[in-house]
Amino acid sequence: MEKLRRLSQTLSHKRDDEEDQGTIEGLKIQYLLKHGFPYQATAFAHDSIQHIVAIGTASGSIKIMGQPGVNIDILCPKPLPITQLLFLVNEGGLISISDGTIVNLWNIRQRTPEISFTLRFPKERITHGYIPFRSKWFYVGTQRGNVYFINLETFQKSPFNIYWNKLAEKSNKSHTGAVVSLVEYPEEDKLLIACDAGLVVLYDLKAREVESRFVCHTGLTSACFTSEFKKIVCSLIDGQVATFKCKNPREACVSVYPHETGGTKDGQEHFLPITKLSLRTTKSGDKIMFFAGGLPPQHDSYSSITIKKAKCLNVIDMGAKILDFIPIQSTPFENEAQDPHSLLVLLHNDLVCIDLASHNNSRFYNPYAMHLGESPVTYIHYIADCPKDLMTALQQVAGNQSHSVTYSKNHWPINGGVMQSTLNPPQELIITGHEDGSLKFWNASTLTLTMLFKFNTRTLFKPLPHNDSTPLAVTYIHLDVVSRHLVIVGESSYVLFCHFSNQESSLLDV
């Protein structure tokens, strides 16, 4: 799909020089809309005011999504992995960092987003970027432990920088390591800088000097303030959470293993790294800690996320590797009670949102066609003008099919953007056949795919045919919309002849 997108751009550029070549005009793509979960997702960002999300991939593409139907795909000039995405919250801007060396500022206010500025870091690799809310500065931390300040209006580097040797003690010649966290303390104009070798620095931006240094006994992965900005909390590679008091840097930190249940306290041997930690506060003053990892090795720590309220730990197995997570909060101001209501989690194969207001932290139903390829698609059948009565029957059945997961009763919180309305859109139906023998019926009448009905041929074969490694893979589909007959052909030379019934309880008879 990425090759097709780049081909379309190449053809558009050639059009002026080759107007007489009918083949070029015939291949011109007016608009390309991609459905399904972005292939090889690497990073994501969330705008807490506009309620939109952006997902970056290893090939340099970015998908921006709001409410169902709000779906924009953009492509960076170079096909490099997106290492970080950051929204300019409520300002219509998006920053993408490609391969840690190229920074693009996108204008997403217009229908077709475009790059406004580009900045390159040829000698250093960016490891962490940070934009305080309503700030005109973009903070950049690098692999060498340096911090740079970029003016968002001009997209030029400030002459003032913080170099790693200014962060470290003069008596300590050891390198600080890469910058992994940057957090602003806005009321006192201070900046928290955390480096992966274990050094945490509270830097006074007005005085341009280090105010306090805190040293972890091992490498760290992230750091943040508590809500009242009196303490600094760090996640460590040995599965510990370390807490420092801002006013007492010489006081020993308090370190705990959140998942320790007794026995040995040698966490380096018995707990996996905490890859990220985030703290939030509710309106009632309760603190909530979110972190990924930190479990014993016998657990799949990289697919688990922990929510800690008071002394209660709730471990949620996401079923796939966690790439990142973002608590969705009621306010973008860090010095206020954020009161998080949802937790957005990016997996390597899905986008999941957890309802924190529900009793058992259940998931929201994802309205996007993220699971289009949960089993590889082996055949596609497209109907441009599907009869309305058939489409209506499929829509009615869609609401009655049971789900294997109990979803939250609340609505999906990513609901930003304005969807373009189309008067009397054509009734378009797409049927996808899959490697596991299933068929999915999709409403393609709008800019989003909505699954209407799922039919699994596996239930018809007991025992399963074993002539092939994928015996039930669908190889052919044809639906006659007049007679309502559906023909399905599979890998093991099976043929199913089905008929759409008028009975909602048995819509498809074989």
Protein backbone atom coordinates (compact mmCIF):
# COMPACT_ATOMS: atom_id res chain seq x y z
CA MET A 1 0.00 0.00 0.00
CA GLU A 2 2.89 2.38 0.75
CA LYS A 3 4.36 1.63 -2.68
CA LEU A 4 0.98 2.43 -4.25
CA ARG A 5 0.84 5.73 -2.37
CA ARG A 6 4.32 6.73 -3.49
CA LEU A 7 3.50 5.66 -7.04
CA SER A 8 0.45 7.96 -7.01
CA GLN A 9 2.63 10.89 -5.94
CA THR A 10 5.16 10.14 -8.67
CA LEU A 11 2.43 9.98 -11.30
CA SER A 12 0.98 13.30 -10.14
CA HIS A 13 4.37 14.99 -10.55
CA LYS A 14 4.78 13.58 -14.06
CA ARG A 15 1.36 14.61 -15.24
CA ASP A 16 2.35 18.12 -16.44
CA ASP A 17 5.20 16.79 -18.58
CA GLU A 18 3.32 13.81 -19.98
CA GLU A 19 -0.24 15.01 -20.57
CA ASP A 20 -0.39 13.24 -23.92
CA GLN A 21 0.31 9.82 -22.41
CA GLY A 22 -3.07 8.26 -21.72
CA THR A 23 -1.55 5.57 -19.49
CA ILE A 24 -0.34 8.14 -16.96
CA GLU A 25 -3.75 9.82 -16.79
CA GLY A 26 -5.41 6.43 -16.52
CA LEU A 27 -3.30 5.51 -13.51
CA LYS A 28 -3.78 8.80 -11.69
CA ILE A 29 -5.12 8.24 -8.18
CA GLN A 30 -7.47 10.97 -6.99
CA TYR A 31 -7.72 9.86 -3.36
CA LEU A 32 -6.29 6.95 -1.41
CA LEU A 33 -8.09 5.77 1.72
CA LYS A 34 -6.47 3.07 3.84
CA HIS A 35 -8.39 0.86 6.24
CA GLY A 36 -7.16 -1.46 8.95
CA PHE A 37 -4.47 -1.08 11.59
CA PRO A 38 -1.33 0.72 10.34
CA TYR A 39 1.33 -1.80 9.35
CA GLN A 40 4.34 -1.87 11.73
CA ALA A 41 3.14 0.87 14.07
CA THR A 42 5.96 2.53 16.01
CA ALA A 43 4.58 5.59 17.85
CA PHE A 44 1.40 7.53 18.58
CA ALA A 45 0.10 10.80 20.04
CA HIS A 46 -3.19 12.15 21.38
CA ASP A 47 -4.72 15.64 21.39
CA SER A 48 -6.69 15.85 24.64
CA ILE A 49 -8.78 18.83 23.48
CA GLN A 50 -9.49 17.96 19.84
CA HIS A 51 -9.93 14.25 20.75
CA ILE A 52 -7.89 12.92 17.84
CA VAL A 53 -5.05 10.42 17.68
CA ALA A 54 -2.10 9.95 15.30
CA ILE A 55 -0.22 6.68 14.67
CA GLY A 56 3.19 6.55 12.99
CA THR A 57 4.74 3.54 11.27
CA ALA A 58 8.12 2.07 10.34
CA SER A 59 7.65 3.15 6.70
CA GLY A 60 7.13 6.83 7.48
CA SER A 61 3.34 7.01 7.13
CA ILE A 62 1.06 8.65 9.70
CA LYS A 63 -2.64 7.94 10.23
CA ILE A 64 -4.71 10.65 11.95
CA MET A 65 -8.08 9.51 13.28
CA GLY A 66 -11.00 11.11 15.07
CA GLN A 67 -14.60 9.96 15.11
CA PRO A 68 -15.47 7.16 12.66
CA GLY A 69 -15.21 8.69 9.19
CA VAL A 70 -12.45 11.14 10.15
CA ASN A 71 -9.43 9.37 8.73
CA ILE A 72 -6.40 11.06 7.14
CA ASP A 73 -3.22 9.36 5.93
CA ILE A 74 -0.06 11.39 5.36
CA LEU A 75 3.36 10.32 4.22
CA CYS A 76 6.72 11.71 5.26
CA PRO A 77 9.06 12.62 2.35
CA LYS A 78 11.50 9.87 3.35
CA PRO A 79 10.37 6.33 4.24
CA LEU A 80 12.06 6.31 7.65
CA PRO A 81 10.59 4.94 10.89
CA ILE A 82 8.53 7.39 12.94
CA THR A 83 10.17 7.36 16.38
CA GLN A 84 7.89 9.91 18.08
CA LEU A 85 4.76 11.96 17.42
CA LEU A 86 3.64 15.06 19.34
CA PHE A 87 0.54 17.20 18.90
CA LEU A 88 0.61 20.94 19.40
CA VAL A 89 -2.50 20.52 21.54
CA ASN A 90 -5.51 22.45 20.22
CA GLU A 91 -3.33 24.37 17.72
CA GLY A 92 -3.69 22.23 14.59
CA GLY A 93 -0.06 21.16 14.51
CA LEU A 94 1.68 17.79 14.61
CA ILE A 95 5.39 17.09 15.01
CA SER A 96 6.86 13.88 13.63
CA ILE A 97 10.38 12.67 14.40
CA SER A 98 11.73 10.31 11.73
CA ASP A 99 14.55 7.92 12.63
CA GLY A 100 15.60 10.32 15.41
CA THR A 101 17.22 12.66 12.90
CA ILE A 102 14.49 14.51 10.96
CA VAL A 103 11.80 16.67 12.59
CA ASN A 104 8.75 17.73 10.56
CA LEU A 105 6.10 20.21 11.70
CA TRP A 106 2.78 19.41 9.96
CA ASN A 107 -0.10 21.82 9.51
CA ILE A 108 -3.20 19.65 10.04
CA ARG A 109 -5.73 22.49 10.04
CA GLN A 110 -6.29 22.08 6.31
CA ARG A 111 -7.97 19.19 4.52
CA THR A 112 -4.67 17.87 3.16
CA PRO A 113 -1.96 18.22 5.85
CA GLU A 114 1.33 19.68 4.67
CA ILE A 115 4.80 20.14 6.16
CA SER A 116 5.39 23.70 7.34
CA PHE A 117 8.97 23.28 8.59
CA THR A 118 11.70 20.65 8.61
CA LEU A 119 14.71 20.49 10.89
CA ARG A 120 17.54 17.95 10.73
CA PHE A 121 19.85 16.60 13.40
CA PRO A 122 22.64 15.03 11.31
CA LYS A 123 25.15 14.66 14.17
CA GLU A 124 22.87 13.54 16.99
CA ARG A 125 19.92 11.22 17.37
CA ILE A 126 16.78 12.50 19.08
CA THR A 127 15.64 10.19 21.88
CA HIS A 128 12.85 12.30 23.41
CA GLY A 129 10.76 15.33 22.45
CA TYR A 130 8.47 17.38 24.67
CA ILE A 131 6.02 20.28 24.10
CA PRO A 132 4.50 21.93 27.18
CA PHE A 133 0.88 23.00 26.71
CA ARG A 134 0.59 26.48 25.14
CA SER A 135 4.36 26.82 24.97
CA LYS A 136 6.20 28.34 22.02
CA TRP A 137 9.15 26.01 22.63
CA PHE A 138 9.79 22.43 21.61
CA TYR A 139 12.30 20.65 23.87
CA VAL A 140 14.54 18.00 22.28
CA GLY A 141 16.70 15.50 24.16
CA THR A 142 19.34 13.48 22.33
CA GLN A 143 21.29 10.25 22.60
CA ARG A 144 24.36 12.21 23.71
CA GLY A 145 22.50 13.62 26.69
CA ASN A 146 22.13 17.15 25.30
CA VAL A 147 18.93 19.23 25.38
CA TYR A 148 18.01 21.72 22.64
CA PHE A 149 15.22 24.29 22.44
CA ILE A 150 13.36 24.87 19.16
CA ASN A 151 11.14 27.91 18.58
CA LEU A 152 7.82 26.62 17.21
CA GLU A 153 7.11 29.87 15.33
CA THR A 154 10.37 29.91 13.35
CA PHE A 155 11.39 26.26 13.88
CA GLN A 156 14.94 27.40 14.57
CA LYS A 157 17.23 26.22 17.35
CA SER A 158 17.77 28.57 20.25
CA PRO A 159 21.41 29.59 20.87
CA PHE A 160 20.88 28.37 24.44
CA ASN A 161 21.40 24.62 24.89
CA ILE A 162 21.99 22.33 27.85
CA TYR A 163 24.93 19.99 27.26
CA TRP A 164 25.42 16.72 29.11
CA ASN A 165 28.62 17.83 30.88
CA LYS A 166 26.64 20.66 32.52
CA LEU A 167 24.18 18.11 33.91
CA ALA A 168 26.77 15.79 35.41
CA GLU A 169 28.74 16.45 38.58
CA LYS A 170 32.11 18.05 37.89
CA SER A 171 33.78 15.30 39.87
CA ASN A 172 32.01 12.62 37.84
CA LYS A 173 33.36 12.13 34.33
CA SER A 174 30.86 9.38 33.47
CA HIS A 175 28.48 10.11 30.62
CA THR A 176 24.87 10.80 31.58
CA GLY A 177 23.45 8.61 28.83
CA ALA A 178 20.55 9.41 26.50
CA VAL A 179 17.72 11.72 27.50
CA VAL A 180 14.56 9.65 28.10
CA SER A 181 12.23 12.18 29.80
CA LEU A 182 11.68 15.93 29.79
CA VAL A 183 8.98 17.50 31.99
CA GLU A 184 8.38 21.17 32.71
CA TYR A 185 7.57 22.62 36.13
CA PRO A 186 5.77 25.70 34.76
CA GLU A 187 5.16 27.68 37.95
CA GLU A 188 8.86 27.83 38.83
CA ASP A 189 10.27 27.73 35.30
CA LYS A 190 12.19 24.53 35.88
CA LEU A 191 12.81 21.50 33.70
CA LEU A 192 13.11 17.87 34.77
CA ILE A 193 15.73 16.04 32.69
CA ALA A 194 16.14 12.26 33.06
CA CYS A 195 18.90 10.25 31.38
CA ASP A 196 18.98 6.50 30.93
CA ALA A 197 22.24 5.99 32.86
CA GLY A 198 20.33 6.87 36.04
CA LEU A 199 20.86 10.63 36.42
CA VAL A 200 17.87 12.91 37.05
CA VAL A 201 18.37 16.67 37.03
CA LEU A 202 16.10 19.52 38.08
CA TYR A 203 17.30 22.44 35.93
CA ASP A 204 16.51 26.10 36.62
CA LEU A 205 15.77 27.68 33.23
CA LYS A 206 15.89 31.26 34.53
CA ALA A 207 19.23 30.93 36.31
CA ARG A 208 20.45 28.52 33.59
CA GLU A 209 22.00 26.19 36.11
CA VAL A 210 21.39 22.83 37.76
CA GLU A 211 19.34 23.17 40.93
CA SER A 212 19.36 19.54 42.07
CA ARG A 213 20.72 16.17 41.00
CA PHE A 214 19.26 12.77 41.83
CA VAL A 215 21.02 9.49 41.10
CA CYS A 216 19.32 6.12 40.61
CA HIS A 217 21.25 2.97 41.43
CA THR A 218 20.56 1.57 37.96
CA GLY A 219 19.34 2.63 34.53
CA LEU A 220 15.97 4.36 34.22
CA THR A 221 13.38 4.42 31.46
CA SER A 222 11.13 7.36 32.39
CA ALA A 223 10.56 10.03 35.04
CA CYS A 224 7.77 12.41 36.03
CA PHE A 225 6.57 14.73 38.80
CA THR A 226 3.83 13.97 41.25
CA SER A 227 0.80 16.24 40.87
CA GLU A 228 1.94 18.70 43.54
CA PHE A 229 5.50 18.83 42.03
CA LYS A 230 7.05 17.89 45.37
CA LYS A 231 8.40 14.50 44.32
CA ILE A 232 10.02 12.88 41.29
CA VAL A 233 9.06 9.32 40.39
CA CYS A 234 11.25 7.17 38.11
CA SER A 235 10.78 3.78 36.47
CA LEU A 236 13.89 1.57 36.47
CA ILE A 237 15.20 -1.25 34.31
CA ASP A 238 15.23 -3.67 37.26
CA GLY A 239 11.47 -3.37 37.78
CA GLN A 240 11.60 -0.83 40.60
CA VAL A 241 9.90 2.52 41.07
CA ALA A 242 12.17 5.12 42.70
CA THR A 243 10.86 8.28 44.39
CA PHE A 244 12.89 11.40 45.26
CA LYS A 245 11.92 14.53 47.21
CA CYS A 246 12.58 17.65 45.13
CA LYS A 247 13.66 19.74 48.14
CA ASN A 248 15.97 17.07 49.60
CA PRO A 249 18.20 15.75 46.79
CA ARG A 250 20.69 14.24 49.25
CA GLU A 251 18.03 12.17 50.96
CA ALA A 252 18.04 8.56 49.84
CA CYS A 253 15.33 7.65 47.39
CA VAL A 254 12.51 5.30 48.26
CA SER A 255 12.57 2.30 45.91
CA VAL A 256 9.89 -0.37 45.69
CA TYR A 257 9.07 -3.32 43.48
CA PRO A 258 5.37 -2.81 42.73
CA HIS A 259 4.82 -6.47 41.93
CA GLU A 260 6.81 -7.94 44.80
CA THR A 261 4.81 -10.50 46.74
CA GLY A 262 7.46 -11.59 49.22
CA GLY A 263 10.53 -13.74 49.15
CA THR A 264 13.77 -12.50 47.64
CA LYS A 265 14.17 -8.78 47.03
CA ASP A 266 16.79 -9.15 44.33
CA GLY A 267 14.64 -7.44 41.71
CA GLN A 268 17.33 -7.42 39.03
CA GLU A 269 17.03 -11.19 38.78
CA HIS A 270 13.35 -11.53 39.34
CA PHE A 271 11.60 -8.56 37.70
CA LEU A 272 11.62 -7.26 34.15
CA PRO A 273 12.10 -3.56 33.30
CA ILE A 274 9.31 -1.05 33.68
CA THR A 275 9.32 0.48 30.21
CA LYS A 276 7.18 3.54 31.01
CA LEU A 277 5.49 5.12 34.00
CA SER A 278 2.86 7.86 34.23
CA LEU A 279 1.18 9.51 37.25
CA ARG A 280 -2.22 11.20 37.28
CA THR A 281 -4.54 12.64 39.95
CA THR A 282 -8.33 12.47 40.16
CA LYS A 283 -10.57 15.37 41.18
CA SER A 284 -10.96 13.77 44.60
CA GLY A 285 -7.18 13.84 45.06
CA ASP A 286 -6.56 10.12 44.55
CA LYS A 287 -3.33 9.25 42.76
CA ILE A 288 -3.26 6.76 39.90
CA MET A 289 -0.05 5.20 38.63
CA PHE A 290 0.13 3.58 35.20
CA PHE A 291 3.14 1.53 34.14
CA ALA A 292 4.06 -1.11 31.59
CA GLY A 293 6.27 -4.06 32.51
CA GLY A 294 7.82 -4.73 35.90
CA LEU A 295 6.46 -8.27 36.27
CA PRO A 296 8.45 -11.42 37.04
CA PRO A 297 10.01 -13.16 33.98
CA GLN A 298 7.48 -15.99 34.04
CA HIS A 299 4.80 -13.48 33.03
CA ASP A 300 4.55 -11.83 29.64
CA SER A 301 5.59 -8.48 31.05
CA TYR A 302 5.80 -6.68 27.71
CA SER A 303 2.11 -7.23 27.01
CA SER A 304 0.88 -6.23 30.47
CA ILE A 305 -0.03 -2.84 31.87
CA THR A 306 -0.59 -2.13 35.56
CA ILE A 307 -2.98 0.40 37.07
CA LYS A 308 -2.26 1.22 40.72
CA LYS A 309 -4.79 3.05 42.90
CA ALA A 310 -3.73 3.36 46.54
CA LYS A 311 -2.50 -0.15 47.39
CA CYS A 312 -4.63 -1.91 44.78
CA LEU A 313 -2.84 -3.24 41.69
CA ASN A 314 -4.81 -4.17 38.59
CA VAL A 315 -2.73 -5.99 35.96
CA ILE A 316 -4.28 -6.04 32.48
CA ASP A 317 -2.92 -8.44 29.89
CA MET A 318 -3.30 -6.72 26.53
CA GLY A 319 -2.56 -9.91 24.56
CA ALA A 320 0.17 -8.28 22.44
CA LYS A 321 3.34 -6.24 22.88
CA ILE A 322 2.71 -2.74 24.27
CA LEU A 323 4.43 0.01 22.28
CA ASP A 324 3.16 3.00 24.28
CA PHE A 325 0.25 4.24 26.37
CA ILE A 326 -1.36 7.63 27.11
CA PRO A 327 -3.85 8.41 29.90
CA ILE A 328 -6.72 10.47 28.44
CA GLN A 329 -7.39 13.26 30.90
CA SER A 330 -9.96 15.99 31.37
CA THR A 331 -7.47 18.88 31.26
CA PRO A 332 -4.18 19.45 29.42
CA PHE A 333 -2.73 21.40 32.37
CA GLU A 334 -0.24 19.31 34.34
CA ASN A 335 -0.59 21.45 37.49
CA GLU A 336 -4.31 20.64 37.79
CA ALA A 337 -6.12 17.44 38.71
CA GLN A 338 -6.07 15.64 35.37
CA ASP A 339 -8.87 13.24 36.35
CA PRO A 340 -8.11 10.55 33.72
CA HIS A 341 -11.18 8.74 32.42
CA SER A 342 -9.57 6.43 29.85
CA LEU A 343 -6.25 4.80 29.04
CA LEU A 344 -5.22 4.64 25.38
CA VAL A 345 -2.80 1.81 24.60
CA LEU A 346 -0.91 1.28 21.35
CA LEU A 347 -0.11 -2.37 20.69
CA HIS A 348 1.97 -3.67 17.82
CA ASN A 349 -1.23 -4.90 16.16
CA ASP A 350 -4.09 -2.85 17.66
CA LEU A 351 -5.26 0.35 19.30
CA VAL A 352 -7.07 -0.30 22.59
CA CYS A 353 -8.79 2.06 25.00
CA ILE A 354 -9.58 1.10 28.60
CA ASP A 355 -12.51 2.66 30.43
CA LEU A 356 -11.16 3.73 33.83
CA ALA A 357 -14.66 4.66 34.99
CA SER A 358 -15.92 1.10 34.63
CA HIS A 359 -15.85 -1.29 37.57
CA ASN A 360 -13.50 -3.82 35.95
CA ASN A 361 -11.58 -1.47 33.62
CA SER A 362 -13.30 -2.93 30.56
CA ARG A 363 -12.35 -1.96 27.02
CA PHE A 364 -14.24 0.42 24.79
CA TYR A 365 -15.63 -1.02 21.57
CA ASN A 366 -13.28 0.15 18.82
CA PRO A 367 -15.37 1.53 15.92
CA TYR A 368 -12.48 1.51 13.43
CA ALA A 369 -11.77 -1.40 11.11
CA MET A 370 -8.61 -2.24 13.07
CA HIS A 371 -9.16 -5.99 12.88
CA LEU A 372 -9.54 -6.07 9.11
CA GLY A 373 -6.53 -8.36 8.89
CA GLU A 374 -6.56 -10.18 12.24
CA SER A 375 -6.60 -13.24 10.00
CA PRO A 376 -4.84 -12.51 6.67
CA VAL A 377 -7.22 -11.45 3.89
CA THR A 378 -7.16 -13.96 1.05
CA TYR A 379 -10.01 -12.67 -1.16
CA ILE A 380 -12.07 -9.49 -1.61
CA HIS A 381 -15.48 -9.16 -3.25
CA TYR A 382 -16.80 -5.64 -3.92
CA ILE A 383 -20.40 -4.67 -4.69
CA ALA A 384 -20.84 -1.08 -5.85
CA ASP A 385 -24.63 -0.83 -5.53
CA CYS A 386 -25.97 -3.18 -2.89
CA PRO A 387 -29.77 -3.32 -2.49
CA LYS A 388 -30.91 -1.30 0.51
CA ASP A 389 -32.99 -4.12 2.01
CA LEU A 390 -29.97 -6.43 2.09
CA MET A 391 -27.77 -3.73 3.59
CA THR A 392 -30.44 -2.98 6.19
CA ALA A 393 -30.69 -6.66 7.14
CA LEU A 394 -26.92 -6.86 7.58
CA GLN A 395 -26.94 -3.71 9.74
CA GLN A 396 -29.66 -5.15 11.98
CA VAL A 397 -27.75 -8.39 12.47
CA ALA A 398 -24.56 -6.46 13.23
CA GLY A 399 -26.01 -5.17 16.50
CA ASN A 400 -27.17 -8.64 17.57
CA GLN A 401 -23.99 -10.63 17.06
CA SER A 402 -22.34 -11.49 20.36
CA HIS A 403 -18.77 -10.45 21.16
CA SER A 404 -16.16 -12.61 22.85
CA VAL A 405 -15.16 -9.56 24.94
CA THR A 406 -17.47 -7.62 27.26
CA TYR A 407 -17.12 -3.99 26.20
CA SER A 408 -17.74 -0.82 28.16
CA LYS A 409 -21.19 0.74 27.79
CA ASN A 410 -19.60 4.14 27.27
CA HIS A 411 -18.71 5.50 23.85
CA TRP A 412 -15.28 5.42 22.23
CA PRO A 413 -13.53 8.62 23.47
CA ILE A 414 -11.61 9.43 20.25
CA ASN A 415 -14.47 11.39 18.70
CA GLY A 416 -12.92 14.58 17.30
CA GLY A 417 -12.96 16.04 13.81
CA VAL A 418 -15.82 16.84 11.48
CA MET A 419 -17.01 14.13 9.10
CA GLN A 420 -17.99 15.21 5.60
CA SER A 421 -21.61 14.40 4.89
CA THR A 422 -22.64 12.86 1.59
CA LEU A 423 -26.24 13.09 0.40
CA ASN A 424 -27.61 9.70 -0.65
CA PRO A 425 -24.28 7.86 -0.76
CA PRO A 426 -24.17 4.67 -2.84
CA GLN A 427 -24.71 1.47 -0.85
CA GLU A 428 -21.28 -0.14 -1.15
CA LEU A 429 -20.56 -3.56 0.31
CA ILE A 430 -17.19 -5.27 0.70
CA ILE A 431 -16.87 -8.94 1.61
CA THR A 432 -13.45 -10.13 2.76
CA GLY A 433 -12.45 -13.78 2.88
CA HIS A 434 -9.76 -14.78 5.35
CA GLU A 435 -7.14 -17.43 5.90
CA ASP A 436 -9.02 -18.90 8.87
CA GLY A 437 -12.14 -19.49 6.74
CA SER A 438 -14.12 -16.51 8.01
CA LEU A 439 -16.04 -13.96 5.93
CA LYS A 440 -16.59 -10.36 7.01
CA PHE A 441 -19.21 -8.08 5.51
CA TRP A 442 -18.29 -4.37 5.56
CA ASN A 443 -20.34 -1.26 4.91
CA ALA A 444 -18.10 0.88 2.67
CA SER A 445 -20.68 3.57 1.88
CA THR A 446 -18.81 6.23 3.88
CA LEU A 447 -15.17 7.10 4.54
CA THR A 448 -14.95 4.41 7.19
CA LEU A 449 -15.42 0.66 7.04
CA THR A 450 -18.06 -0.68 9.43
CA MET A 451 -18.29 -4.41 10.00
CA LEU A 452 -21.86 -5.62 9.55
CA PHE A 453 -21.71 -9.36 9.78
CA LYS A 454 -19.21 -12.15 10.34
CA PHE A 455 -19.64 -15.69 9.12
CA ASN A 456 -17.17 -18.45 10.02
CA THR A 457 -17.02 -21.54 7.82
CA ARG A 458 -14.99 -23.37 10.50
CA THR A 459 -18.20 -24.34 12.30
CA LEU A 460 -19.29 -26.34 9.23
CA PHE A 461 -16.27 -28.65 9.14
CA LYS A 462 -15.83 -31.28 11.86
CA PRO A 463 -13.19 -32.56 11.64
CA LEU A 464 -11.27 -29.93 9.68
CA PRO A 465 -9.75 -30.91 6.33
CA HIS A 466 -5.98 -31.41 6.62
CA ASN A 467 -4.93 -31.24 2.99
CA ASP A 468 -3.17 -27.92 3.49
CA SER A 469 -1.61 -25.78 6.22
CA THR A 470 -4.51 -23.36 5.76
CA PRO A 471 -7.32 -25.74 4.79
CA LEU A 472 -10.15 -23.24 5.26
CA ALA A 473 -8.58 -20.24 3.53
CA VAL A 474 -11.15 -18.54 1.30
CA THR A 475 -10.05 -18.40 -2.35
CA TYR A 476 -13.22 -17.14 -4.06
CA ILE A 477 -16.40 -15.25 -3.15
CA HIS A 478 -19.35 -14.24 -5.29
CA LEU A 479 -22.65 -12.72 -4.15
CA ASP A 480 -25.58 -12.41 -6.54
CA VAL A 481 -27.55 -9.53 -5.00
CA VAL A 482 -30.67 -10.35 -7.05
CA SER A 483 -31.06 -14.00 -6.06
CA ARG A 484 -29.28 -13.48 -2.70
CA HIS A 485 -27.06 -16.48 -3.41
CA LEU A 486 -23.51 -16.53 -2.05
CA VAL A 487 -20.79 -18.88 -3.30
CA ILE A 488 -17.66 -19.53 -1.22
CA VAL A 489 -14.69 -21.59 -2.41
CA GLY A 490 -11.92 -22.69 -0.05
CA GLU A 491 -8.32 -23.86 -0.17
CA SER A 492 -9.25 -27.53 0.33
CA SER A 493 -11.46 -27.50 -2.77
CA TYR A 494 -14.61 -27.09 -0.75
CA VAL A 495 -17.54 -25.14 -2.20
CA LEU A 496 -20.32 -23.61 -0.08
CA PHE A 497 -23.58 -22.49 -1.61
CA CYS A 498 -25.42 -20.11 0.72
CA HIS A 499 -28.65 -18.14 0.58
CA PHE A 500 -29.60 -15.01 2.52
CA SER A 501 -32.69 -15.71 4.55
CA ASN A 502 -35.45 -13.29 5.47
CA GLN A 503 -35.14 -14.50 9.07
CA GLU A 504 -32.84 -12.28 11.11
CA SER A 505 -31.94 -15.16 13.43
CA SER A 506 -30.48 -17.18 10.55
CA LEU A 507 -29.45 -14.59 8.03
CA LEU A 508 -27.23 -16.96 6.06
CA ASP A 509 -28.41 -20.50 5.29
CA VAL A 510 -25.92 -23.03 3.91
